[in-house]
Amino acid sequence: MRIAIATDAWFPQVNGVVRSLAATVAELDRRGYEVELITPQRFTTLPLPGYSQIRLALAPRFAARRLLDSFAPDIVHIATEGPIGWAARGWCKARGIGFTSAFHTRFPDYLALRTGIDAERFWPLMRRFHQPSRAVLVSTPSLAAELEQRGIGPVAPWGRGIDGWTFRPVGDRHPALADLPRPIMLNVGRVAPEKNLEAFLSADLPGTKVVVGDGPDLERLRALYPQAVFTGALAGDDLANAYRAADVFVFPSRTDTFGLVVIEALACGLPVAALPVAGPLDVLGADGRGQFDPLPATFSALDRDIAVAVRKALRLDRKAAAVYGARFTWEKATDQFIAALTGALAGRQAKAFEPA
């Protein structure tokens, strides 16, 4: 099977979409699939207004079509609803080639935060984009149910995984966190308004708040919360070392569809504090023991007050966190990805959501 993957999110961006795609492509390559990547690196780009770290392809339609014509894929997977995604969608429709798509990011919610316009105004565009897709790949059951209710589908499961060699409980601890007052409360991710970081940074909690990541809100939050530590972006072993050096992972986001950093933190033996919203609930379960095949021990805490969740999580079992986090593998996630594309190529209806 020759697979073309079209995405507006790619390196040097560092986010869950890019990391998920990169891990999946590596696994596909290991299994012998032919994969062609249609990414911003192959086009002239312009910075996204207000978020210069993200660069969008400038008028990619004709160049994307040439690349796809040359590769002649059996099927196309469109990862994002940006300029490259729309160009690939147009090529597929014109050539009669089936495609799958993915719903990684709640763009209606993000656009609502930035524009003040009701998120419901943006959902029709999402429906239009995904309507011809033979399967819309989603990471959690709650997102699958929401999209189906909004007329987006058929949905198919595509979970997430971790690099089990890098993200594990045994290993070095980041020296930048070694001498900070404890407990050390860690957040990792894009430093942007939609991440709800102020709920975490303004919480009345003893110890040290550490934010790992880059983004458009970084300088503003640094100025507002000088007592917090902002390290900038970390990756690979440096990131794993930061997880292991902390006492609790704090995930205040209300809009993430999954939260790859959550399972990375768990795999490093770091209990998680989060809000009881879609995404964390799907991964952690309402009781903090996991949503599917829960553990007997509690490794995460969810509460409407993030400070309460942090206090609870600080008392939880690091060993249980590591055991649960290790369940998420890219091998299992890629099995689901291949199943969705194979089914779409054969014209089969996407199966009901099942965990990886």
Protein backbone atom coordinates (compact mmCIF):
# COMPACT_ATOMS: atom_id res chain seq x y z
CA MET A 1 0.00 0.00 0.00
CA ARG A 2 1.40 3.35 -1.09
CA ILE A 3 0.39 6.01 1.43
CA ALA A 4 0.64 9.77 0.99
CA ILE A 5 0.36 11.80 4.19
CA ALA A 6 -0.54 15.48 3.79
CA THR A 7 -0.04 17.70 6.82
CA ASP A 8 0.29 21.40 7.60
CA ALA A 9 1.95 20.51 10.92
CA TRP A 10 5.53 19.27 10.66
CA PHE A 11 9.03 19.94 11.92
CA PRO A 12 10.40 22.26 13.21
CA GLN A 13 7.06 22.58 15.01
CA VAL A 14 7.03 20.64 18.28
CA ASN A 15 3.52 19.50 19.19
CA GLY A 16 1.44 16.38 19.60
CA VAL A 17 0.33 16.29 15.96
CA VAL A 18 3.90 16.40 14.63
CA ARG A 19 5.18 13.87 17.13
CA SER A 20 2.27 11.50 16.47
CA LEU A 21 2.78 11.67 12.71
CA ALA A 22 6.56 11.25 12.98
CA ALA A 23 6.21 8.18 15.22
CA THR A 24 3.59 6.67 12.91
CA VAL A 25 5.69 7.28 9.78
CA ALA A 26 8.69 5.65 11.47
CA GLU A 27 6.59 2.60 12.34
CA LEU A 28 5.12 2.43 8.81
CA ASP A 29 8.63 2.59 7.38
CA ARG A 30 9.77 -0.19 9.70
CA ARG A 31 6.92 -2.35 8.39
CA GLY A 32 7.84 -1.73 4.78
CA TYR A 33 5.07 0.66 3.66
CA GLU A 34 5.87 3.24 0.98
CA VAL A 35 5.09 6.67 2.43
CA GLU A 36 5.26 10.09 0.78
CA LEU A 37 5.08 13.16 3.03
CA ILE A 38 3.47 16.37 1.78
CA THR A 39 4.56 18.91 4.43
CA PRO A 40 5.33 22.66 4.68
CA GLN A 41 9.02 21.87 4.16
CA ARG A 42 8.23 21.34 0.47
CA PHE A 43 6.63 24.76 -0.10
CA THR A 44 7.22 28.46 0.34
CA THR A 45 5.75 29.33 3.73
CA LEU A 46 4.53 32.32 5.69
CA PRO A 47 4.30 32.63 9.50
CA LEU A 48 0.83 32.24 10.97
CA PRO A 49 -0.27 35.70 12.22
CA GLY A 50 0.12 35.85 15.98
CA TYR A 51 1.98 32.54 16.10
CA SER A 52 5.23 32.85 14.15
CA GLN A 53 6.46 29.38 15.16
CA ILE A 54 3.82 27.89 12.84
CA ARG A 55 4.44 28.43 9.13
CA LEU A 56 1.72 27.80 6.56
CA ALA A 57 2.30 26.76 2.97
CA LEU A 58 1.68 29.59 0.52
CA ALA A 59 -0.68 28.59 -2.32
CA PRO A 60 0.25 24.89 -2.23
CA ARG A 61 -2.47 23.66 -4.58
CA PHE A 62 -0.53 23.08 -7.80
CA ALA A 63 2.73 21.91 -6.22
CA ALA A 64 0.83 19.49 -3.95
CA ARG A 65 -0.97 18.07 -6.98
CA ARG A 66 2.31 17.56 -8.82
CA LEU A 67 3.79 15.74 -5.83
CA LEU A 68 0.73 13.50 -5.49
CA ASP A 69 0.56 12.80 -9.23
CA SER A 70 4.23 11.79 -9.20
CA PHE A 71 3.87 9.47 -6.20
CA ALA A 72 0.53 7.96 -7.32
CA PRO A 73 -0.66 6.85 -3.88
CA ASP A 74 -3.17 4.10 -3.29
CA ILE A 75 -4.69 6.22 -0.54
CA VAL A 76 -4.06 9.61 1.06
CA HIS A 77 -4.22 10.47 4.74
CA ILE A 78 -4.92 14.16 5.41
CA ALA A 79 -3.82 15.08 8.91
CA THR A 80 -4.80 18.77 9.12
CA GLU A 81 -7.44 21.17 7.87
CA GLY A 82 -4.91 23.76 6.63
CA PRO A 83 -3.79 24.85 3.14
CA ILE A 84 -1.96 21.59 2.42
CA GLY A 85 -4.89 19.57 3.71
CA TRP A 86 -7.33 21.42 1.46
CA ALA A 87 -4.98 21.03 -1.53
CA ALA A 88 -4.69 17.27 -0.97
CA ARG A 89 -8.44 16.98 -0.49
CA GLY A 90 -9.01 18.72 -3.82
CA TRP A 91 -6.57 16.40 -5.60
CA CYS A 92 -8.24 13.31 -4.15
CA LYS A 93 -11.68 14.47 -5.28
CA ALA A 94 -10.44 15.38 -8.76
CA ARG A 95 -8.60 12.06 -9.23
CA GLY A 96 -11.16 9.83 -7.55
CA ILE A 97 -8.62 8.69 -4.95
CA GLY A 98 -9.96 7.78 -1.53
CA PHE A 99 -8.65 9.54 1.53
CA THR A 100 -8.88 9.42 5.28
CA SER A 101 -8.57 12.45 7.52
CA ALA A 102 -7.86 13.07 11.17
CA PHE A 103 -9.35 15.34 13.81
CA HIS A 104 -6.35 16.22 15.96
CA THR A 105 -7.18 19.75 17.02
CA ARG A 106 -10.33 21.54 18.16
CA PHE A 107 -9.87 24.45 15.77
CA PRO A 108 -13.39 25.84 16.37
CA ASP A 109 -12.60 26.27 20.06
CA TYR A 110 -9.16 27.75 19.35
CA LEU A 111 -10.55 30.20 16.81
CA ALA A 112 -13.29 31.21 19.23
CA LEU A 113 -10.67 32.06 21.88
CA ARG A 114 -8.70 34.18 19.44
CA THR A 115 -11.58 35.95 17.66
CA GLY A 116 -14.38 36.12 20.22
CA ILE A 117 -16.70 34.51 17.66
CA ASP A 118 -18.87 31.60 18.83
CA ALA A 119 -17.17 28.27 18.11
CA GLU A 120 -20.41 26.98 16.52
CA ARG A 121 -19.81 29.35 13.60
CA PHE A 122 -16.69 27.38 12.62
CA TRP A 123 -18.06 23.83 12.83
CA PRO A 124 -19.73 23.91 9.36
CA LEU A 125 -16.29 24.37 7.80
CA MET A 126 -15.05 21.30 9.68
CA ARG A 127 -18.01 19.28 8.40
CA ARG A 128 -17.36 20.43 4.86
CA PHE A 129 -13.69 19.50 5.04
CA HIS A 130 -14.21 15.99 6.41
CA GLN A 131 -17.43 15.12 4.54
CA PRO A 132 -15.74 13.26 1.62
CA SER A 133 -13.35 11.38 3.94
CA ARG A 134 -13.80 7.61 4.01
CA ALA A 135 -12.81 7.58 7.69
CA VAL A 136 -12.09 10.36 10.18
CA LEU A 137 -9.44 9.13 12.60
CA VAL A 138 -9.88 10.17 16.23
CA SER A 139 -7.99 9.41 19.42
CA THR A 140 -10.75 9.04 22.03
CA PRO A 141 -14.30 7.72 22.37
CA SER A 142 -15.73 11.04 23.56
CA LEU A 143 -14.33 12.86 20.53
CA ALA A 144 -15.72 10.13 18.27
CA ALA A 145 -19.17 10.55 19.80
CA GLU A 146 -19.06 14.35 19.52
CA LEU A 147 -18.01 14.31 15.87
CA GLU A 148 -20.73 11.81 14.97
CA GLN A 149 -23.29 14.05 16.68
CA ARG A 150 -22.01 16.95 14.61
CA GLY A 151 -22.33 14.99 11.38
CA ILE A 152 -18.61 14.31 10.94
CA GLY A 153 -17.67 10.73 10.16
CA PRO A 154 -17.54 7.81 9.82
CA VAL A 155 -15.03 7.84 12.66
CA ALA A 156 -12.29 5.29 13.24
CA PRO A 157 -9.95 4.87 16.20
CA TRP A 158 -6.33 5.96 16.08
CA GLY A 159 -4.76 5.99 19.52
CA ARG A 160 -1.43 7.38 20.67
CA GLY A 161 1.75 5.86 22.03
CA ILE A 162 5.05 6.64 23.70
CA ASP A 163 8.67 5.83 23.01
CA GLY A 164 9.09 3.28 25.77
CA TRP A 165 12.86 3.48 25.76
CA THR A 166 12.92 7.25 26.31
CA PHE A 167 9.86 7.69 28.53
CA ARG A 168 10.36 5.30 31.45
CA PRO A 169 10.63 5.67 35.22
CA VAL A 170 14.31 4.72 35.44
CA GLY A 171 16.86 7.24 34.25
CA ASP A 172 18.45 10.61 34.86
CA ARG A 173 16.66 13.62 36.30
CA HIS A 174 16.98 17.03 34.73
CA PRO A 175 19.56 19.15 36.58
CA ALA A 176 17.59 22.37 36.02
CA LEU A 177 14.91 21.03 38.38
CA ALA A 178 17.23 19.46 40.96
CA ASP A 179 17.45 22.32 43.47
CA LEU A 180 14.01 23.87 43.09
CA PRO A 181 11.72 24.05 46.14
CA ARG A 182 9.39 21.06 46.24
CA PRO A 183 6.90 19.90 45.30
CA ILE A 184 7.77 20.49 41.65
CA MET A 185 4.62 20.85 39.53
CA LEU A 186 5.33 20.38 35.84
CA ASN A 187 3.42 21.32 32.70
CA VAL A 188 4.63 20.47 29.19
CA GLY A 189 3.17 21.72 25.93
CA ARG A 190 2.47 24.68 23.70
CA VAL A 191 2.44 27.93 25.68
CA ALA A 192 -0.75 29.36 24.20
CA PRO A 193 -4.07 30.78 25.44
CA GLU A 194 -6.05 27.61 24.66
CA LYS A 195 -3.92 25.59 27.10
CA ASN A 196 -5.51 27.32 30.12
CA LEU A 197 -2.10 27.68 31.79
CA GLU A 198 -3.19 30.61 33.95
CA ALA A 199 -5.48 28.28 35.91
CA PHE A 200 -2.33 26.38 36.89
CA LEU A 201 0.05 29.32 37.31
CA SER A 202 -2.38 31.33 39.45
CA ALA A 203 -3.29 28.43 41.75
CA ASP A 204 -2.32 28.88 45.40
CA LEU A 205 0.07 25.98 45.82
CA PRO A 206 3.39 25.57 47.65
CA GLY A 207 6.51 24.52 45.76
CA THR A 208 7.65 25.37 42.23
CA LYS A 209 5.64 25.56 39.03
CA VAL A 210 7.63 24.61 35.92
CA VAL A 211 6.45 25.13 32.35
CA VAL A 212 8.27 23.34 29.54
CA GLY A 213 7.45 24.57 26.05
CA ASP A 214 7.34 27.48 23.65
CA GLY A 215 4.52 29.45 22.09
CA PRO A 216 2.86 32.82 21.56
CA ASP A 217 1.92 33.33 25.22
CA LEU A 218 5.38 32.63 26.65
CA GLU A 219 6.63 36.18 27.24
CA ARG A 220 3.29 37.39 28.61
CA LEU A 221 3.11 34.55 31.13
CA ARG A 222 6.75 34.98 32.11
CA ALA A 223 6.03 38.60 32.99
CA LEU A 224 2.80 37.78 34.86
CA TYR A 225 4.24 34.84 36.84
CA PRO A 226 7.92 35.59 37.60
CA GLN A 227 7.93 32.99 40.38
CA ALA A 228 7.36 30.19 37.87
CA VAL A 229 10.18 28.54 35.93
CA PHE A 230 9.90 28.58 32.12
CA THR A 231 12.49 26.31 30.54
CA GLY A 232 11.57 26.65 26.86
CA ALA A 233 11.01 23.56 24.75
CA LEU A 234 12.62 20.24 25.67
CA ALA A 235 12.58 16.97 23.72
CA GLY A 236 13.78 13.39 23.91
CA ASP A 237 15.93 12.48 26.89
CA ASP A 238 15.89 16.05 28.23
CA LEU A 239 12.10 15.96 28.35
CA ALA A 240 12.01 12.53 29.99
CA ASN A 241 14.54 13.74 32.57
CA ALA A 242 12.24 16.68 33.38
CA TYR A 243 9.26 14.36 33.87
CA ARG A 244 11.27 12.14 36.22
CA ALA A 245 12.52 15.14 38.23
CA ALA A 246 9.03 16.47 38.95
CA ASP A 247 6.52 15.47 41.64
CA VAL A 248 3.28 15.91 39.68
CA PHE A 249 2.27 16.63 36.09
CA VAL A 250 -0.36 19.35 35.78
CA PHE A 251 -2.63 19.37 32.71
CA PRO A 252 -5.15 22.24 32.93
CA SER A 253 -6.23 22.17 29.26
CA ARG A 254 -9.94 22.08 28.48
CA THR A 255 -9.56 21.68 24.72
CA ASP A 256 -6.96 18.98 23.99
CA THR A 257 -8.36 15.98 22.14
CA PHE A 258 -5.91 13.59 23.84
CA GLY A 259 -2.78 15.02 25.43
CA LEU A 260 0.28 13.03 24.35
CA VAL A 261 2.30 14.62 27.15
CA VAL A 262 -0.05 13.03 29.70
CA ILE A 263 0.91 9.47 28.77
CA GLU A 264 4.59 10.42 28.47
CA ALA A 265 4.50 11.79 32.03
CA LEU A 266 2.74 8.68 33.29
CA ALA A 267 5.26 6.40 31.58
CA CYS A 268 8.02 8.24 33.46
CA GLY A 269 6.24 7.47 36.74
CA LEU A 270 4.73 10.92 37.22
CA PRO A 271 1.15 11.14 38.60
CA VAL A 272 -1.16 13.52 36.73
CA ALA A 273 -3.52 16.26 37.91
CA ALA A 274 -6.12 17.34 35.35
CA LEU A 275 -9.60 18.74 34.86
CA PRO A 276 -12.52 16.30 34.40
CA VAL A 277 -13.05 17.11 30.71
CA ALA A 278 -12.92 15.13 27.46
CA GLY A 279 -9.37 14.07 26.74
CA PRO A 280 -8.17 13.58 30.32
CA LEU A 281 -11.32 11.61 31.18
CA ASP A 282 -10.78 9.35 28.17
CA VAL A 283 -7.17 8.64 29.08
CA LEU A 284 -7.23 8.70 32.87
CA GLY A 285 -10.77 7.64 33.74
CA ALA A 286 -13.06 9.48 36.13
CA ASP A 287 -11.52 7.73 39.15
CA GLY A 288 -7.92 8.22 38.00
CA ARG A 289 -7.28 4.52 37.40
CA GLY A 290 -7.66 4.41 33.63
CA GLN A 291 -10.62 4.34 31.29
CA PHE A 292 -10.11 0.87 29.77
CA ASP A 293 -9.03 -2.10 31.90
CA PRO A 294 -8.41 0.16 34.93
CA LEU A 295 -5.67 -0.52 37.44
CA PRO A 296 -6.35 -1.30 41.10
CA ALA A 297 -4.14 1.65 42.11
CA THR A 298 -4.88 5.34 41.50
CA PHE A 299 -2.29 7.24 39.47
CA SER A 300 -4.11 10.47 38.57
CA ALA A 301 -6.54 12.96 40.06
CA LEU A 302 -9.25 14.93 38.26
CA ASP A 303 -11.08 17.84 39.82
CA ARG A 304 -12.83 21.00 38.62
CA ASP A 305 -10.36 22.93 40.78
CA ILE A 306 -6.88 22.22 39.41
CA ALA A 307 -5.30 23.05 42.79
CA VAL A 308 -7.38 20.34 44.45
CA ALA A 309 -6.38 17.88 41.73
CA VAL A 310 -2.69 18.73 42.30
CA ARG A 311 -2.92 18.17 46.05
CA LYS A 312 -4.56 14.78 45.48
CA ALA A 313 -2.10 13.72 42.78
CA LEU A 314 0.90 14.47 44.98
CA ARG A 315 -0.15 11.56 47.19
CA LEU A 316 -0.51 9.01 44.38
CA ASP A 317 1.40 5.94 43.25
CA ARG A 318 4.33 6.60 40.86
CA LYS A 319 4.72 2.90 40.09
CA ALA A 320 1.10 2.61 38.97
CA ALA A 321 1.54 5.68 36.77
CA ALA A 322 4.49 4.04 35.01
CA VAL A 323 2.64 0.76 34.51
CA TYR A 324 -0.35 2.47 32.95
CA GLY A 325 1.71 4.80 30.78
CA ALA A 326 3.67 1.88 29.34
CA ARG A 327 0.44 0.43 27.93
CA PHE A 328 0.39 3.07 25.19
CA THR A 329 2.62 1.99 22.31
CA TRP A 330 3.10 3.26 18.77
CA GLU A 331 2.90 -0.32 17.55
CA LYS A 332 -0.71 -0.61 18.76
CA ALA A 333 -1.57 2.87 17.51
CA THR A 334 -0.11 2.15 14.08
CA ASP A 335 -2.09 -1.10 13.90
CA GLN A 336 -5.21 1.06 14.19
CA PHE A 337 -3.93 3.56 11.62
CA ILE A 338 -3.27 0.79 9.08
CA ALA A 339 -6.63 -0.86 9.79
CA ALA A 340 -8.43 2.44 9.13
CA LEU A 341 -6.60 3.05 5.85
CA THR A 342 -6.93 -0.55 4.68
CA GLY A 343 -10.66 -0.48 5.41
CA ALA A 344 -11.06 2.85 3.63
CA LEU A 345 -9.18 1.55 0.59
CA ALA A 346 -11.43 -1.51 0.46
CA GLY A 347 -14.56 0.61 0.91
CA ARG A 348 -15.43 -0.90 4.27
CA GLN A 349 -17.32 1.07 6.91
CA ALA A 350 -15.11 2.21 9.77
CA LYS A 351 -15.48 0.05 12.88
CA ALA A 352 -16.83 1.30 16.18
CA PHE A 353 -14.29 2.90 18.48
CA GLU A 354 -12.17 0.45 20.44
CA PRO A 355 -9.16 1.23 22.61
CA ALA A 356 -5.68 0.42 21.33
